C-alpha atoms as a PDB file:
ATOM      1  CA  MET A   1       0.000   0.000   0.000  1.00  0.00           C
ATOM      2  CA  LEU A   2       2.853   2.400   0.804  1.00  0.00           C
ATOM      3  CA  MET A   3       4.331   1.778  -2.631  1.00  0.00           C
ATOM      4  CA  ARG A   4       1.065   2.879  -4.259  1.00  0.00           C
ATOM      5  CA  TRP A   5       0.942   5.867  -1.916  1.00  0.00           C
ATOM      6  CA  HIS A   6       4.281   6.931  -3.354  1.00  0.00           C
ATOM      7  CA  LEU A   7       3.682   6.000  -7.000  1.00  0.00           C
ATOM      8  CA  LEU A   8       0.323   7.813  -7.076  1.00  0.00           C
ATOM      9  CA  SER A   9       2.026  11.014  -5.807  1.00  0.00           C
ATOM     10  CA  LEU A  10      -0.027  10.940  -2.606  1.00  0.00           C
ATOM     11  CA  ASP A  11       3.073  11.146  -0.410  1.00  0.00           C
ATOM     12  CA  ALA A  12       3.717  14.859  -0.911  1.00  0.00           C
ATOM     13  CA  PRO A  13       0.098  15.981  -0.197  1.00  0.00           C
ATOM     14  CA  THR A  14       0.081  13.813   2.937  1.00  0.00           C
ATOM     15  CA  VAL A  15       3.276  15.388   4.273  1.00  0.00           C
ATOM     16  CA  ALA A  16       2.059  18.888   3.362  1.00  0.00           C
ATOM     17  CA  LEU A  17      -1.287  18.430   5.139  1.00  0.00           C
ATOM     18  CA  LEU A  18       0.307  16.989   8.282  1.00  0.00           C
ATOM     19  CA  TRP A  19       2.776  19.844   8.604  1.00  0.00           C
ATOM     20  CA  CYS A  20       0.079  22.398   7.762  1.00  0.00           C
ATOM     21  CA  ALA A  21      -2.139  20.985  10.512  1.00  0.00           C
ATOM     22  CA  LEU A  22       0.738  21.275  12.984  1.00  0.00           C
ATOM     23  CA  PHE A  23       1.464  24.855  11.912  1.00  0.00           C
ATOM     24  CA  VAL A  24      -2.236  25.645  12.368  1.00  0.00           C
ATOM     25  CA  ARG A  25      -2.236  24.162  15.862  1.00  0.00           C
ATOM     26  CA  ALA A  26       0.942  26.027  16.834  1.00  0.00           C
ATOM     27  CA  ALA A  27      -0.445  29.322  15.519  1.00  0.00           C
ATOM     28  CA  ARG A  28      -3.880  28.698  17.060  1.00  0.00           C
ATOM     29  CA  ALA A  29      -5.297  30.083  13.849  1.00  0.00           C
ATOM     30  CA  PRO A  30      -8.547  28.609  12.498  1.00  0.00           C
ATOM     31  CA  VAL A  31      -8.054  27.573   8.885  1.00  0.00           C
ATOM     32  CA  PRO A  32     -11.142  26.828   6.771  1.00  0.00           C
ATOM     33  CA  VAL A  33     -11.456  23.464   5.063  1.00  0.00           C
ATOM     34  CA  PRO A  34     -11.205  24.943   1.526  1.00  0.00           C
ATOM     35  CA  ALA A  35      -7.685  26.170   2.312  1.00  0.00           C
ATOM     36  CA  MET A  36      -6.631  22.644   3.255  1.00  0.00           C
ATOM     37  CA  GLU A  37      -8.310  21.277   0.136  1.00  0.00           C
ATOM     38  CA  LEU A  38      -6.385  23.776  -1.964  1.00  0.00           C
ATOM     39  CA  LEU A  39      -3.105  22.741  -0.336  1.00  0.00           C
ATOM     40  CA  ALA A  40      -3.732  19.019  -0.815  1.00  0.00           C
ATOM     41  CA  ALA A  41      -5.031  19.175  -4.374  1.00  0.00           C
ATOM     42  CA  GLY A  42      -2.534  21.816  -5.434  1.00  0.00           C
ATOM     43  CA  THR A  43       0.416  19.847  -4.054  1.00  0.00           C
ATOM     44  CA  TRP A  44      -0.762  16.684  -5.770  1.00  0.00           C
ATOM     45  CA  CYS A  45      -1.192  18.447  -9.122  1.00  0.00           C
ATOM     46  CA  LEU A  46       2.248  20.043  -8.939  1.00  0.00           C
ATOM     47  CA  TYR A  47       4.006  16.792  -8.050  1.00  0.00           C
ATOM     48  CA  VAL A  48       2.224  14.936 -10.839  1.00  0.00           C
ATOM     49  CA  LEU A  49       3.200  17.606 -13.361  1.00  0.00           C
ATOM     50  CA  ASP A  50       6.773  17.623 -12.082  1.00  0.00           C
ATOM     51  CA  ARG A  51       7.096  13.859 -12.466  1.00  0.00           C
ATOM     52  CA  LEU A  52       5.493  13.892 -15.913  1.00  0.00           C
ATOM     53  CA  LEU A  53       7.919  16.591 -17.056  1.00  0.00           C
ATOM     54  CA  ASP A  54      10.857  14.722 -15.535  1.00  0.00           C
ATOM     55  CA  ALA A  55       9.770  11.562 -17.361  1.00  0.00           C
ATOM     56  CA  ARG A  56       9.599  13.407 -20.662  1.00  0.00           C
ATOM     57  CA  GLY A  57      12.930  15.147 -20.204  1.00  0.00           C
ATOM     58  CA  ARG A  58      15.236  12.277 -19.147  1.00  0.00           C
ATOM     59  CA  ARG A  59      14.003   8.953 -20.445  1.00  0.00           C
ATOM     60  CA  GLU A  60      17.446   7.380 -20.088  1.00  0.00           C
ATOM     61  CA  ARG A  61      17.338   7.609 -16.272  1.00  0.00           C
ATOM     62  CA  LEU A  62      13.742   7.027 -15.350  1.00  0.00           C
ATOM     63  CA  ARG A  63      12.929   5.921 -11.793  1.00  0.00           C
ATOM     64  CA  PRO A  64       9.892   3.809 -10.817  1.00  0.00           C
ATOM     65  CA  ARG A  65       7.845   6.937 -10.024  1.00  0.00           C
ATOM     66  CA  HIS A  66       8.641   8.428 -13.445  1.00  0.00           C
ATOM     67  CA  LEU A  67       7.935   5.168 -15.264  1.00  0.00           C
ATOM     68  CA  PHE A  68       4.594   4.852 -13.479  1.00  0.00           C
ATOM     69  CA  HIS A  69       3.583   8.413 -14.376  1.00  0.00           C
ATOM     70  CA  ALA A  70       4.735   8.018 -17.973  1.00  0.00           C
ATOM     71  CA  ARG A  71       2.796   4.754 -18.279  1.00  0.00           C
ATOM     72  CA  HIS A  72      -0.404   6.374 -16.963  1.00  0.00           C
ATOM     73  CA  ALA A  73       0.221   9.891 -18.281  1.00  0.00           C
ATOM     74  CA  GLU A  74      -3.268  10.346 -19.758  1.00  0.00           C
ATOM     75  CA  ARG A  75      -4.995   9.319 -16.530  1.00  0.00           C
ATOM     76  CA  PHE A  76      -2.782  11.580 -14.440  1.00  0.00           C
ATOM     77  CA  ALA A  77      -3.372  14.480 -16.844  1.00  0.00           C
ATOM     78  CA  ALA A  78      -7.134  13.940 -16.597  1.00  0.00           C
ATOM     79  CA  GLY A  79      -6.895  13.834 -12.799  1.00  0.00           C
ATOM     80  CA  VAL A  80      -4.972  17.116 -12.747  1.00  0.00           C
ATOM     81  CA  ALA A  81      -7.554  18.741 -15.032  1.00  0.00           C
ATOM     82  CA  LEU A  82     -10.432  17.583 -12.813  1.00  0.00           C
ATOM     83  CA  ALA A  83      -8.649  18.750  -9.666  1.00  0.00           C
ATOM     84  CA  VAL A  84      -8.018  22.200 -11.141  1.00  0.00           C
ATOM     85  CA  LEU A  85     -11.656  22.529 -12.212  1.00  0.00           C
ATOM     86  CA  ALA A  86     -12.846  21.444  -8.759  1.00  0.00           C
ATOM     87  CA  LEU A  87     -10.572  23.977  -7.068  1.00  0.00           C
ATOM     88  CA  ALA A  88     -11.730  26.744  -9.384  1.00  0.00           C
ATOM     89  CA  ALA A  89     -15.390  25.944  -8.743  1.00  0.00           C
ATOM     90  CA  ARG A  90     -15.370  25.092  -5.035  1.00  0.00           C
ATOM     91  CA  VAL A  91     -12.382  26.625  -3.294  1.00  0.00           C
ATOM     92  CA  VAL A  92     -11.292  29.859  -4.971  1.00  0.00           C
ATOM     93  CA  PRO A  93     -14.712  31.625  -4.841  1.00  0.00           C
ATOM     94  CA  ARG A  94     -14.877  31.022  -1.050  1.00  0.00           C
ATOM     95  CA  MET A  95     -11.498  32.587  -0.259  1.00  0.00           C
ATOM     96  CA  SER A  96     -10.957  36.170   0.895  1.00  0.00           C
ATOM     97  CA  ALA A  97      -8.985  38.711  -1.114  1.00  0.00           C
ATOM     98  CA  VAL A  98      -6.090  38.607   1.366  1.00  0.00           C
ATOM     99  CA  ILE A  99      -5.808  34.826   1.162  1.00  0.00           C
ATOM    100  CA  LEU A 100      -6.039  34.905  -2.624  1.00  0.00           C
ATOM    101  CA  ARG A 101      -3.205  37.445  -2.655  1.00  0.00           C
ATOM    102  CA  ASP A 102      -1.014  35.202  -0.515  1.00  0.00           C
ATOM    103  CA  ASP A 103      -1.825  32.210  -2.688  1.00  0.00           C
ATOM    104  CA  ALA A 104      -0.973  34.243  -5.771  1.00  0.00           C
ATOM    105  CA  VAL A 105       2.493  34.782  -4.306  1.00  0.00           C
ATOM    106  CA  MET A 106       2.827  31.036  -3.786  1.00  0.00           C
ATOM    107  CA  ALA A 107       1.694  30.435  -7.362  1.00  0.00           C
ATOM    108  CA  ALA A 108       4.382  32.838  -8.585  1.00  0.00           C
ATOM    109  CA  LEU A 109       7.030  30.912  -6.621  1.00  0.00           C
ATOM    110  CA  VAL A 110       5.846  27.628  -8.112  1.00  0.00           C
ATOM    111  CA  ALA A 111       5.830  29.116 -11.612  1.00  0.00           C
ATOM    112  CA  ALA A 112       9.398  30.338 -11.076  1.00  0.00           C
ATOM    113  CA  TYR A 113      10.394  26.832  -9.970  1.00  0.00           C
ATOM    114  CA  PHE A 114       8.980  25.216 -13.114  1.00  0.00           C
ATOM    115  CA  LEU A 115      10.578  27.908 -15.262  1.00  0.00           C
ATOM    116  CA  PHE A 116      14.030  27.501 -13.723  1.00  0.00           C
ATOM    117  CA  VAL A 117      14.039  23.718 -13.395  1.00  0.00           C
ATOM    118  CA  HIS A 118      12.204  22.487 -16.478  1.00  0.00           C
ATOM    119  CA  LEU A 119      12.791  25.248 -19.043  1.00  0.00           C
ATOM    120  CA  SER A 120      16.343  26.247 -18.175  1.00  0.00           C
ATOM    121  CA  GLU A 121      19.333  24.175 -19.256  1.00  0.00           C
ATOM    122  CA  ARG A 122      21.323  25.308 -16.209  1.00  0.00           C
ATOM    123  CA  PRO A 123      18.999  26.259 -13.332  1.00  0.00           C
ATOM    124  CA  PRO A 124      20.481  29.032 -11.125  1.00  0.00           C
ATOM    125  CA  PHE A 125      19.631  27.102  -7.941  1.00  0.00           C
ATOM    126  CA  PRO A 126      19.718  23.387  -7.053  1.00  0.00           C
ATOM    127  CA  LYS A 127      16.351  21.800  -7.763  1.00  0.00           C
ATOM    128  CA  GLU A 128      16.330  20.094  -4.373  1.00  0.00           C
ATOM    129  CA  LEU A 129      16.734  23.410  -2.532  1.00  0.00           C
ATOM    130  CA  CYS A 130      13.942  25.026  -4.556  1.00  0.00           C
ATOM    131  CA  VAL A 131      11.584  22.122  -3.882  1.00  0.00           C
ATOM    132  CA  GLY A 132      12.324  22.145  -0.150  1.00  0.00           C
ATOM    133  CA  LEU A 133      11.777  25.856   0.377  1.00  0.00           C
ATOM    134  CA  VAL A 134       8.665  26.114  -1.813  1.00  0.00           C
ATOM    135  CA  PHE A 135       7.150  23.025  -0.169  1.00  0.00           C
ATOM    136  CA  ALA A 136       7.738  24.407   3.323  1.00  0.00           C
ATOM    137  CA  ALA A 137       6.312  27.802   2.364  1.00  0.00           C
ATOM    138  CA  ALA A 138       3.167  26.160   0.983  1.00  0.00           C
ATOM    139  CA  ALA A 139       2.675  24.038   4.118  1.00  0.00           C
ATOM    140  CA  ALA A 140       3.097  27.023   6.451  1.00  0.00           C
ATOM    141  CA  GLU A 141       1.175  29.604   4.393  1.00  0.00           C
ATOM    142  CA  PRO A 142      -2.415  28.808   5.555  1.00  0.00           C
ATOM    143  CA  ALA A 143      -1.403  29.266   9.212  1.00  0.00           C
ATOM    144  CA  TYR A 144       0.932  32.182   8.460  1.00  0.00           C
ATOM    145  CA  ALA A 145      -1.815  34.115   6.657  1.00  0.00           C
ATOM    146  CA  ARG A 146      -4.159  33.826   9.652  1.00  0.00           C
ATOM    147  CA  ALA A 147      -1.816  33.845  12.668  1.00  0.00           C
ATOM    148  CA  GLY A 148      -1.777  36.633  15.233  1.00  0.00           C
ATOM    149  CA  ARG A 149       2.058  36.606  15.198  1.00  0.00           C
ATOM    150  CA  PRO A 150       2.991  35.128  11.835  1.00  0.00           C
ATOM    151  CA  SER A 151       6.695  35.936  12.228  1.00  0.00           C
ATOM    152  CA  ALA A 152       6.891  33.340  15.028  1.00  0.00           C
ATOM    153  CA  LEU A 153       6.301  30.615  12.427  1.00  0.00           C
ATOM    154  CA  ILE A 154       9.185  31.609  10.141  1.00  0.00           C
ATOM    155  CA  PRO A 155      12.057  29.790  11.949  1.00  0.00           C
ATOM    156  CA  ALA A 156      10.113  26.518  12.000  1.00  0.00           C
ATOM    157  CA  ALA A 157       9.129  26.962   8.347  1.00  0.00           C
ATOM    158  CA  LEU A 158      12.773  27.492   7.386  1.00  0.00           C
ATOM    159  CA  LEU A 159      13.753  24.373   9.325  1.00  0.00           C
ATOM    160  CA  LEU A 160      11.060  22.402   7.512  1.00  0.00           C
ATOM    161  CA  GLY A 161      12.490  23.714   4.245  1.00  0.00           C
ATOM    162  CA  LEU A 162      15.924  22.363   5.232  1.00  0.00           C
ATOM    163  CA  LEU A 163      14.416  18.994   6.133  1.00  0.00           C
ATOM    164  CA  CYS A 164      12.688  18.817   2.757  1.00  0.00           C
ATOM    165  CA  TRP A 165      15.954  19.838   1.071  1.00  0.00           C
ATOM    166  CA  TRP A 166      17.717  16.964   2.862  1.00  0.00           C
ATOM    167  CA  ASN A 167      14.948  14.629   1.726  1.00  0.00           C
ATOM    168  CA  CYS A 168      15.230  15.624  -1.936  1.00  0.00           C
ATOM    169  CA  ALA A 169      19.035  15.728  -1.938  1.00  0.00           C
ATOM    170  CA  ALA A 170      19.270  12.336  -0.206  1.00  0.00           C
ATOM    171  CA  ILE A 171      16.991  10.729  -2.789  1.00  0.00           C
ATOM    172  CA  GLN A 172      19.042  12.218  -5.625  1.00  0.00           C
ATOM    173  CA  LEU A 173      22.351  11.112  -4.078  1.00  0.00           C
ATOM    174  CA  TRP A 174      21.075   7.587  -3.396  1.00  0.00           C
ATOM    175  CA  GLU A 175      19.833   7.247  -6.952  1.00  0.00           C
ATOM    176  CA  ASP A 176      23.008   8.686  -8.475  1.00  0.00           C
ATOM    177  CA  SER A 177      25.296   6.483  -6.363  1.00  0.00           C
ATOM    178  CA  ALA A 178      23.406   3.242  -7.010  1.00  0.00           C
ATOM    179  CA  GLY A 179      25.915   0.765  -8.379  1.00  0.00           C
ATOM    180  CA  ALA A 180      28.856   2.994  -7.449  1.00  0.00           C
ATOM    181  CA  PRO A 181      31.911   1.582  -5.613  1.00  0.00           C
ATOM    182  CA  ALA A 182      31.438   0.956  -1.884  1.00  0.00           C
ATOM    183  CA  PRO A 183      33.718   3.837  -0.773  1.00  0.00           C
ATOM    184  CA  GLU A 184      31.668   6.321  -2.773  1.00  0.00           C
ATOM    185  CA  ARG A 185      28.408   5.056  -1.303  1.00  0.00           C
ATOM    186  CA  GLU A 186      29.899   5.166   2.179  1.00  0.00           C
ATOM    187  CA  ASP A 187      30.916   8.781   1.601  1.00  0.00           C
ATOM    188  CA  VAL A 188      27.356   9.628   0.532  1.00  0.00           C
ATOM    189  CA  GLY A 189      25.997   8.007   3.682  1.00  0.00           C
ATOM    190  CA  ARG A 190      28.477   9.850   5.889  1.00  0.00           C
ATOM    191  CA  ARG A 191      27.583  13.237   4.406  1.00  0.00           C
ATOM    192  CA  LEU A 192      23.871  12.565   4.737  1.00  0.00           C
ATOM    193  CA  ARG A 193      24.258  11.501   8.364  1.00  0.00           C
ATOM    194  CA  GLN A 194      26.218  14.667   9.082  1.00  0.00           C
ATOM    195  CA  GLY A 195      23.477  16.767   7.477  1.00  0.00           C
ATOM    196  CA  ALA A 196      20.767  14.973   9.450  1.00  0.00           C
ATOM    197  CA  ALA A 197      22.750  15.435  12.681  1.00  0.00           C
ATOM    198  CA  GLY A 198      23.014  19.160  11.962  1.00  0.00           C
ATOM    199  CA  LEU A 199      19.260  19.369  11.423  1.00  0.00           C
ATOM    200  CA  ALA A 200      18.694  17.514  14.681  1.00  0.00           C
ATOM    201  CA  LEU A 201      20.873  20.034  16.537  1.00  0.00           C
ATOM    202  CA  LEU A 202      18.961  22.953  14.999  1.00  0.00           C
ATOM    203  CA  SER A 203      15.677  21.294  15.938  1.00  0.00           C
ATOM    204  CA  ALA A 204      16.831  20.698  19.508  1.00  0.00           C
ATOM    205  CA  ALA A 205      17.960  24.318  19.839  1.00  0.00           C
ATOM    206  CA  GLY A 206      14.597  25.517  18.537  1.00  0.00           C
ATOM    207  CA  LEU A 207      12.795  23.188  20.914  1.00  0.00           C
ATOM    208  CA  ILE A 208      14.627  24.784  23.844  1.00  0.00           C
ATOM    209  CA  VAL A 209      14.034  28.436  22.957  1.00  0.00           C
ATOM    210  CA  ALA A 210      10.675  28.257  21.149  1.00  0.00           C
ATOM    211  CA  GLY A 211       7.430  29.190  22.814  1.00  0.00           C
ATOM    212  CA  SER A 212       4.145  28.451  21.091  1.00  0.00           C
ATOM    213  CA  THR A 213       5.940  26.819  18.145  1.00  0.00           C
ATOM    214  CA  ARG A 214       7.655  24.171  20.276  1.00  0.00           C
ATOM    215  CA  THR A 215       5.645  21.345  18.736  1.00  0.00           C
ATOM    216  CA  LEU A 216       6.959  22.251  15.271  1.00  0.00           C
ATOM    217  CA  PHE A 217      10.549  21.871  16.438  1.00  0.00           C
ATOM    218  CA  ALA A 218       9.664  18.632  18.209  1.00  0.00           C
ATOM    219  CA  ALA A 219       8.309  17.244  14.932  1.00  0.00           C
ATOM    220  CA  ALA A 220      11.420  18.473  13.122  1.00  0.00           C
ATOM    221  CA  LEU A 221      13.622  16.719  15.692  1.00  0.00           C
ATOM    222  CA  ILE A 222      11.746  13.441  15.205  1.00  0.00           C
ATOM    223  CA  SER A 223      12.099  13.756  11.430  1.00  0.00           C
ATOM    224  CA  ALA A 224      15.791  14.643  11.657  1.00  0.00           C
ATOM    225  CA  ALA A 225      16.403  11.568  13.809  1.00  0.00           C
ATOM    226  CA  GLY A 226      14.523   9.501  11.246  1.00  0.00           C
ATOM    227  CA  CYS A 227      16.675  10.975   8.475  1.00  0.00           C
ATOM    228  CA  TRP A 228      19.847   9.960  10.323  1.00  0.00           C
ATOM    229  CA  LEU A 229      18.592   6.415  10.851  1.00  0.00           C
ATOM    230  CA  LEU A 230      17.525   6.184   7.225  1.00  0.00           C
ATOM    231  CA  ALA A 231      20.942   7.330   5.990  1.00  0.00           C
ATOM    232  CA  TRP A 232      22.494   4.639   8.208  1.00  0.00           C
ATOM    233  CA  ARG A 233      20.127   1.920   6.921  1.00  0.00           C
ATOM    234  CA  ALA A 234      20.197   3.004   3.262  1.00  0.00           C
ATOM    235  CA  PRO A 235      22.829   0.486   2.030  1.00  0.00           C
ATOM    236  CA  ARG A 236      20.554  -2.378   3.127  1.00  0.00           C
ATOM    237  CA  MET A 237      17.368  -1.098   1.416  1.00  0.00           C
ATOM    238  CA  ASN A 238      16.247  -1.246  -2.210  1.00  0.00           C
ATOM    239  CA  ALA A 239      15.686   1.992  -4.110  1.00  0.00           C
ATOM    240  CA  LEU A 240      11.880   2.071  -4.037  1.00  0.00           C
ATOM    241  CA  ARG A 241      11.578   1.231  -0.333  1.00  0.00           C
ATOM    242  CA  LEU A 242      14.222   3.833   0.409  1.00  0.00           C
ATOM    243  CA  ARG A 243      12.255   6.448  -1.531  1.00  0.00           C
ATOM    244  CA  VAL A 244       9.064   5.640   0.372  1.00  0.00           C
ATOM    245  CA  ALA A 245      10.864   5.681   3.724  1.00  0.00           C
ATOM    246  CA  ALA A 246      12.346   9.098   2.928  1.00  0.00           C
ATOM    247  CA  ASP A 247       8.813  10.493   2.756  1.00  0.00           C
ATOM    248  CA  LEU A 248       7.591   8.575   5.792  1.00  0.00           C
ATOM    249  CA  VAL A 249      10.199  10.180   8.068  1.00  0.00           C
ATOM    250  CA  LEU A 250       8.665  13.565   7.216  1.00  0.00           C
ATOM    251  CA  CYS A 251       5.267  12.430   8.562  1.00  0.00           C
ATOM    252  CA  SER A 252       6.367  13.093  12.166  1.00  0.00           C
ATOM    253  CA  PRO A 253       3.554  15.653  12.806  1.00  0.00           C
ATOM    254  CA  LEU A 254       1.150  12.706  12.804  1.00  0.00           C
ATOM    255  CA  ILE A 255       2.672  11.523  16.092  1.00  0.00           C
ATOM    256  CA  LEU A 256       2.159  14.862  17.818  1.00  0.00           C
ATOM    257  CA  LEU A 257      -1.279  15.440  16.324  1.00  0.00           C
ATOM    258  CA  ALA A 258      -2.409  11.959  17.364  1.00  0.00           C
ATOM    259  CA  PHE A 259      -1.400  12.598  20.974  1.00  0.00           C
ATOM    260  CA  GLY A 260      -2.892  16.084  21.009  1.00  0.00           C
ATOM    261  CA  ALA A 261       0.378  17.969  21.568  1.00  0.00           C
ATOM    262  CA  ALA A 262      -0.315  21.641  22.192  1.00  0.00           C
END
């Protein structure tokens, strides 16, 4: 089931919704259901389009997720079209002008990402960094737009962006080093463990000094620990299971939400 969760591009919307819900709880800001629907459907559409474009642009190095999307391209395209129509009919008309303005900024960031990554031969920024920061901004935006002190959410959002960057970079490094000599793979694992340890230290520091956003740093610490363990276990896992596990370690908000952490 987890493999389908990943191949159907449901992993990214799940992670986005979980972190958004935790940001909402930390900000104590009521977020209407349409905003969550927009986040989930919008994230799914963007990830599907990204994987379809990746599949078209590099057929010599397709991964299981790209092969699956290429094989079912027409169905995914129809799903994206239906999702966009549903959002236009149900969600957008019910949103305030301020929220629409904030979402327009997010749309501009996403458009810039697609422009730089898919239409530029040499993108000015690493794709993994762009994905991480844009993803974190999208997950935090519904709470940020409605919070009494939105600036308090920024450090946690930046940390989430770094976690997502680690996630994307780790996947790329694991895929690129598959079949490489053992010393090279060991070096990749060492660097990823060092990065995860650094994220854990940042999370722990935030957990100590944060006030109302403490739960966000707690979730980040859990995810960072999961990243470290995953980097340690990576040599003993196949590529697809490793890819799924990389997304699962970012689902740490589920633990805190399930236990009602304030």
